[in-house]
Amino acid sequence: MLTVDLGRLGLRPGMRVLDVGCGIGRHLGAAFRTAGIDVVGVDLNGDDLRGAAYTLHLMCEEMEDHGAWLVARADATNLPFGDARYDLVICSEVLEHIPDNRKAVAELVRVLKPGCDLVVSVPRYWPERICWALSDAYWHEPGGHIRIYRKDELTRMLEAAGTTCWGFGYRHALHVPYWWLKCAVGHKNESSWPVRLYKKFLEWDIIKRPPITRWLDALLNPVLSKSIVIYLKKGY
């Protein structure tokens, strides 16, 4: 399940892609499918990094014209890379966790080549606000979400760091009720039957991708999306 629409970014052989907060490597794997692209993923979660490495290793065995890959443990506020090293930087569902978010944004822009794309996604304001209202534990959890962004606020912060916004995306509307249900019954409560049923529906949808749910998701995303995606370009 991808949050960033890589089809909007003109992936081509020879590009170097960095995913900051890569998790298990969903976006890394999708980018790596383009022949000749090098991908790098960083995260603080060792288990997630091992999962990403395993996926990329398997992909190398299946692909002939694959690029190079690397995953490493690193902090978004202190990236271990030189200036202007990457043709595309992705930071999906990360900034809402970071206390010094402005420093993290400065690092994302620093390692990006001039004229190239930065893509940032965060939880959308009002669906996330309802989660916070339903459950104190949801937003008091260590390592969890410490802020909720308004679209204009985040866009201004990203542009102040040296980028220009050229587009927005809205994703995962069908996931919003799942999180509202979890927050209503206890966000760690996996035994609740409404939560279990809706989780099974989402798993079925992710695997089968039937046209009716793709249509419904696209219809609802402009008003009910779980995530907002901001597409930007670094200035020269």
Protein backbone atom coordinates (compact mmCIF):
# COMPACT_ATOMS: atom_id res chain seq x y z
CA MET A 1 0.00 0.00 0.00
CA LEU A 2 1.76 3.12 -1.27
CA THR A 3 1.07 6.63 -0.03
CA VAL A 4 3.28 8.47 -2.53
CA ASP A 5 2.23 8.26 -6.19
CA LEU A 6 5.55 7.43 -7.84
CA GLY A 7 3.91 7.68 -11.25
CA ARG A 8 3.85 11.48 -10.85
CA LEU A 9 7.62 11.66 -10.36
CA GLY A 10 9.13 10.54 -13.65
CA LEU A 11 11.34 7.74 -12.34
CA ARG A 12 14.09 6.84 -14.79
CA PRO A 13 17.32 4.84 -14.88
CA GLY A 14 20.26 6.48 -13.16
CA MET A 15 18.21 8.21 -10.44
CA ARG A 16 19.17 7.97 -6.78
CA VAL A 17 16.15 7.81 -4.45
CA LEU A 18 16.26 8.35 -0.66
CA ASP A 19 13.38 7.31 1.60
CA VAL A 20 13.69 8.87 5.06
CA GLY A 21 11.70 6.82 7.56
CA CYS A 22 11.45 3.97 5.06
CA GLY A 23 9.87 1.45 7.45
CA ILE A 24 9.63 -1.98 5.83
CA GLY A 25 10.46 -0.49 2.44
CA ARG A 26 7.15 -0.09 0.60
CA HIS A 27 8.24 2.95 -1.39
CA LEU A 28 11.82 1.67 -1.74
CA GLY A 29 10.59 -1.54 -3.33
CA ALA A 30 8.22 0.28 -5.67
CA ALA A 31 10.96 2.66 -6.85
CA PHE A 32 13.47 -0.18 -7.18
CA ARG A 33 11.25 -1.85 -9.79
CA THR A 34 12.39 0.78 -12.29
CA ALA A 35 15.54 -0.63 -13.91
CA GLY A 36 18.75 1.15 -13.05
CA ILE A 37 17.47 3.13 -10.05
CA ASP A 38 19.55 3.19 -6.87
CA VAL A 39 17.57 3.34 -3.62
CA VAL A 40 18.60 4.18 -0.06
CA GLY A 41 16.35 3.84 2.97
CA VAL A 42 16.96 5.09 6.49
CA ASP A 43 14.95 4.49 9.64
CA LEU A 44 15.44 4.13 13.41
CA ASN A 45 13.60 0.80 13.67
CA GLY A 46 16.01 -2.09 13.21
CA ASP A 47 13.30 -4.69 12.64
CA ASP A 48 11.76 -2.60 9.87
CA LEU A 49 15.15 -2.10 8.23
CA ARG A 50 15.78 -5.85 8.23
CA GLY A 51 12.41 -6.35 6.56
CA ALA A 52 13.24 -3.76 3.90
CA ALA A 53 16.64 -5.31 3.27
CA TYR A 54 15.11 -8.76 2.88
CA THR A 55 12.57 -7.49 0.34
CA LEU A 56 15.21 -5.65 -1.72
CA HIS A 57 17.50 -8.70 -1.63
CA LEU A 58 14.71 -10.88 -3.03
CA MET A 59 13.98 -8.33 -5.73
CA CYS A 60 17.63 -8.38 -6.82
CA GLU A 61 17.40 -12.14 -7.33
CA GLU A 62 14.36 -11.68 -9.58
CA MET A 63 15.53 -8.65 -11.60
CA GLU A 64 18.26 -8.44 -14.22
CA ASP A 65 18.72 -4.69 -14.64
CA HIS A 66 18.36 -3.67 -11.01
CA GLY A 67 20.27 -0.80 -9.44
CA ALA A 68 22.07 -0.72 -6.11
CA TRP A 69 20.38 -0.52 -2.71
CA LEU A 70 21.27 0.32 0.87
CA VAL A 71 19.32 0.51 4.12
CA ALA A 72 20.79 1.99 7.28
CA ARG A 73 19.85 3.26 10.73
CA ALA A 74 19.88 7.05 10.75
CA ASP A 75 18.10 10.02 12.32
CA ALA A 76 16.07 12.28 10.02
CA THR A 77 17.46 15.34 11.83
CA ASN A 78 21.07 14.33 11.12
CA LEU A 79 21.30 12.47 7.82
CA PRO A 80 24.71 10.91 7.13
CA PHE A 81 24.90 12.07 3.50
CA GLY A 82 26.58 14.91 1.66
CA ASP A 83 24.74 17.86 0.17
CA ALA A 84 22.73 17.45 -3.04
CA ARG A 85 23.18 13.70 -3.37
CA TYR A 86 19.69 12.51 -4.35
CA ASP A 87 17.35 12.94 -7.32
CA LEU A 88 14.25 12.21 -5.23
CA VAL A 89 13.66 12.34 -1.48
CA ILE A 90 10.58 10.76 0.11
CA CYS A 91 9.48 11.28 3.72
CA SER A 92 6.16 9.54 4.30
CA GLU A 93 4.31 9.61 7.66
CA VAL A 94 7.41 10.69 9.61
CA LEU A 95 7.40 14.41 10.43
CA GLU A 96 4.45 14.09 12.81
CA HIS A 97 6.70 11.97 15.06
CA ILE A 98 9.74 14.28 15.20
CA PRO A 99 10.10 16.98 17.89
CA ASP A 100 12.54 19.09 15.84
CA ASN A 101 10.60 18.89 12.60
CA ARG A 102 12.19 22.01 11.10
CA LYS A 103 15.65 20.50 11.43
CA ALA A 104 14.40 17.32 9.76
CA VAL A 105 12.94 19.33 6.86
CA ALA A 106 16.22 21.21 6.47
CA GLU A 107 18.04 17.87 6.19
CA LEU A 108 15.59 16.55 3.59
CA VAL A 109 16.19 19.60 1.44
CA ARG A 110 19.95 19.64 2.02
CA VAL A 111 20.55 16.16 0.59
CA LEU A 112 18.27 16.76 -2.43
CA LYS A 113 19.72 17.97 -5.72
CA PRO A 114 18.53 21.39 -6.96
CA GLY A 115 15.60 21.12 -9.35
CA CYS A 116 14.60 17.69 -8.01
CA ASP A 117 11.51 16.46 -6.14
CA LEU A 118 10.76 16.17 -2.44
CA VAL A 119 7.60 14.32 -1.41
CA VAL A 120 6.23 14.54 2.13
CA SER A 121 3.12 12.91 3.54
CA VAL A 122 1.50 13.32 6.96
CA PRO A 123 -1.87 12.42 8.50
CA ARG A 124 -4.62 14.75 7.31
CA TYR A 125 -5.74 17.33 9.87
CA TRP A 126 -9.39 16.66 10.62
CA PRO A 127 -9.46 12.82 10.53
CA GLU A 128 -6.38 12.85 12.80
CA ARG A 129 -8.00 15.41 15.11
CA ILE A 130 -10.93 13.02 15.61
CA CYS A 131 -8.49 10.23 16.55
CA TRP A 132 -6.97 12.53 19.18
CA ALA A 133 -10.41 13.44 20.52
CA LEU A 134 -11.44 9.78 20.80
CA SER A 135 -8.30 8.55 22.55
CA ASP A 136 -5.76 10.28 24.80
CA ALA A 137 -3.63 7.13 24.69
CA TYR A 138 -3.37 7.36 20.89
CA TRP A 139 -1.44 10.61 20.96
CA HIS A 140 0.32 10.11 24.31
CA GLU A 141 1.97 6.90 23.16
CA PRO A 142 5.81 7.10 23.29
CA GLY A 143 7.15 7.56 19.77
CA GLY A 144 3.68 8.33 18.46
CA HIS A 145 2.22 11.41 16.81
CA ILE A 146 3.15 14.60 18.64
CA ARG A 147 1.49 17.13 16.32
CA ILE A 148 -1.23 17.50 13.71
CA TYR A 149 -0.42 19.55 10.61
CA ARG A 150 -2.73 21.79 8.66
CA LYS A 151 -1.99 21.60 4.94
CA ASP A 152 -1.11 25.28 4.56
CA GLU A 153 1.06 25.29 7.68
CA LEU A 154 3.17 22.36 6.52
CA THR A 155 3.41 23.66 2.96
CA ARG A 156 4.72 27.01 4.20
CA MET A 157 7.34 25.30 6.37
CA LEU A 158 8.53 23.13 3.48
CA GLU A 159 8.66 26.06 1.06
CA ALA A 160 10.54 28.22 3.61
CA ALA A 161 13.27 25.54 3.55
CA GLY A 162 13.88 26.14 -0.17
CA THR A 163 11.23 24.25 -2.10
CA THR A 164 8.17 25.10 -4.18
CA CYS A 165 4.97 23.07 -3.97
CA TRP A 166 3.67 21.79 -7.31
CA GLY A 167 0.95 19.38 -6.24
CA PHE A 168 -1.07 17.61 -3.56
CA GLY A 169 -2.44 14.11 -3.16
CA TYR A 170 -4.98 12.53 -0.82
CA ARG A 171 -4.73 8.84 0.09
CA HIS A 172 -6.31 5.97 2.03
CA ALA A 173 -9.82 7.23 2.76
CA LEU A 174 -11.04 3.70 3.49
CA HIS A 175 -8.50 3.42 6.33
CA VAL A 176 -9.93 6.36 8.27
CA PRO A 177 -12.90 4.50 9.85
CA TYR A 178 -10.52 1.75 10.99
CA TRP A 179 -8.48 4.22 13.05
CA TRP A 180 -11.60 5.87 14.44
CA LEU A 181 -12.85 2.46 15.56
CA LYS A 182 -9.50 1.62 17.15
CA CYS A 183 -9.39 4.91 19.02
CA ALA A 184 -12.99 4.49 20.20
CA VAL A 185 -12.39 1.04 21.75
CA GLY A 186 -8.73 1.52 22.74
CA HIS A 187 -6.10 1.89 20.05
CA LYS A 188 -4.26 -1.25 21.25
CA ASN A 189 -7.43 -3.32 21.52
CA GLU A 190 -7.26 -5.88 18.71
CA SER A 191 -10.00 -8.09 20.18
CA SER A 192 -12.89 -5.74 19.44
CA TRP A 193 -15.08 -7.39 16.78
CA PRO A 194 -15.71 -4.18 14.79
CA VAL A 195 -11.95 -3.57 14.61
CA ARG A 196 -11.24 -7.16 13.61
CA LEU A 197 -13.90 -7.15 10.90
CA TYR A 198 -12.78 -3.86 9.43
CA LYS A 199 -9.15 -5.00 9.49
CA LYS A 200 -10.13 -8.11 7.51
CA PHE A 201 -11.94 -5.89 5.00
CA LEU A 202 -8.82 -3.70 4.56
CA GLU A 203 -6.57 -6.74 4.14
CA TRP A 204 -8.94 -8.14 1.52
CA ASP A 205 -9.03 -4.78 -0.25
CA ILE A 206 -5.23 -4.42 -0.31
CA ILE A 207 -4.78 -7.90 -1.77
CA LYS A 208 -7.72 -8.04 -4.20
CA ARG A 209 -8.06 -4.34 -5.12
CA PRO A 210 -11.59 -4.71 -6.51
CA PRO A 211 -12.79 -1.89 -8.78
CA ILE A 212 -15.65 -0.91 -6.47
CA THR A 213 -13.37 -0.12 -3.51
CA ARG A 214 -10.82 1.62 -5.78
CA TRP A 215 -13.67 3.82 -7.03
CA LEU A 216 -14.98 4.45 -3.51
CA ASP A 217 -11.52 5.30 -2.20
CA ALA A 218 -10.92 7.76 -5.05
CA LEU A 219 -14.35 9.32 -4.48
CA LEU A 220 -13.79 9.82 -0.74
CA ASN A 221 -10.12 10.83 -0.75
CA PRO A 222 -10.67 14.55 -1.43
CA VAL A 223 -12.76 14.85 1.76
CA LEU A 224 -11.85 11.89 4.00
CA SER A 225 -8.27 10.83 3.28
CA LYS A 226 -6.05 9.42 6.03
CA SER A 227 -2.97 11.09 4.53
CA ILE A 228 -2.17 14.23 2.62
CA VAL A 229 0.80 14.11 0.24
CA ILE A 230 2.72 17.26 -0.73
CA TYR A 231 4.85 17.27 -3.89
CA LEU A 232 7.60 19.90 -4.04
CA LYS A 233 10.64 20.85 -6.06
CA LYS A 234 13.90 22.21 -4.69
CA GLY A 235 15.03 25.53 -6.12
CA TYR A 236 18.30 26.11 -7.92
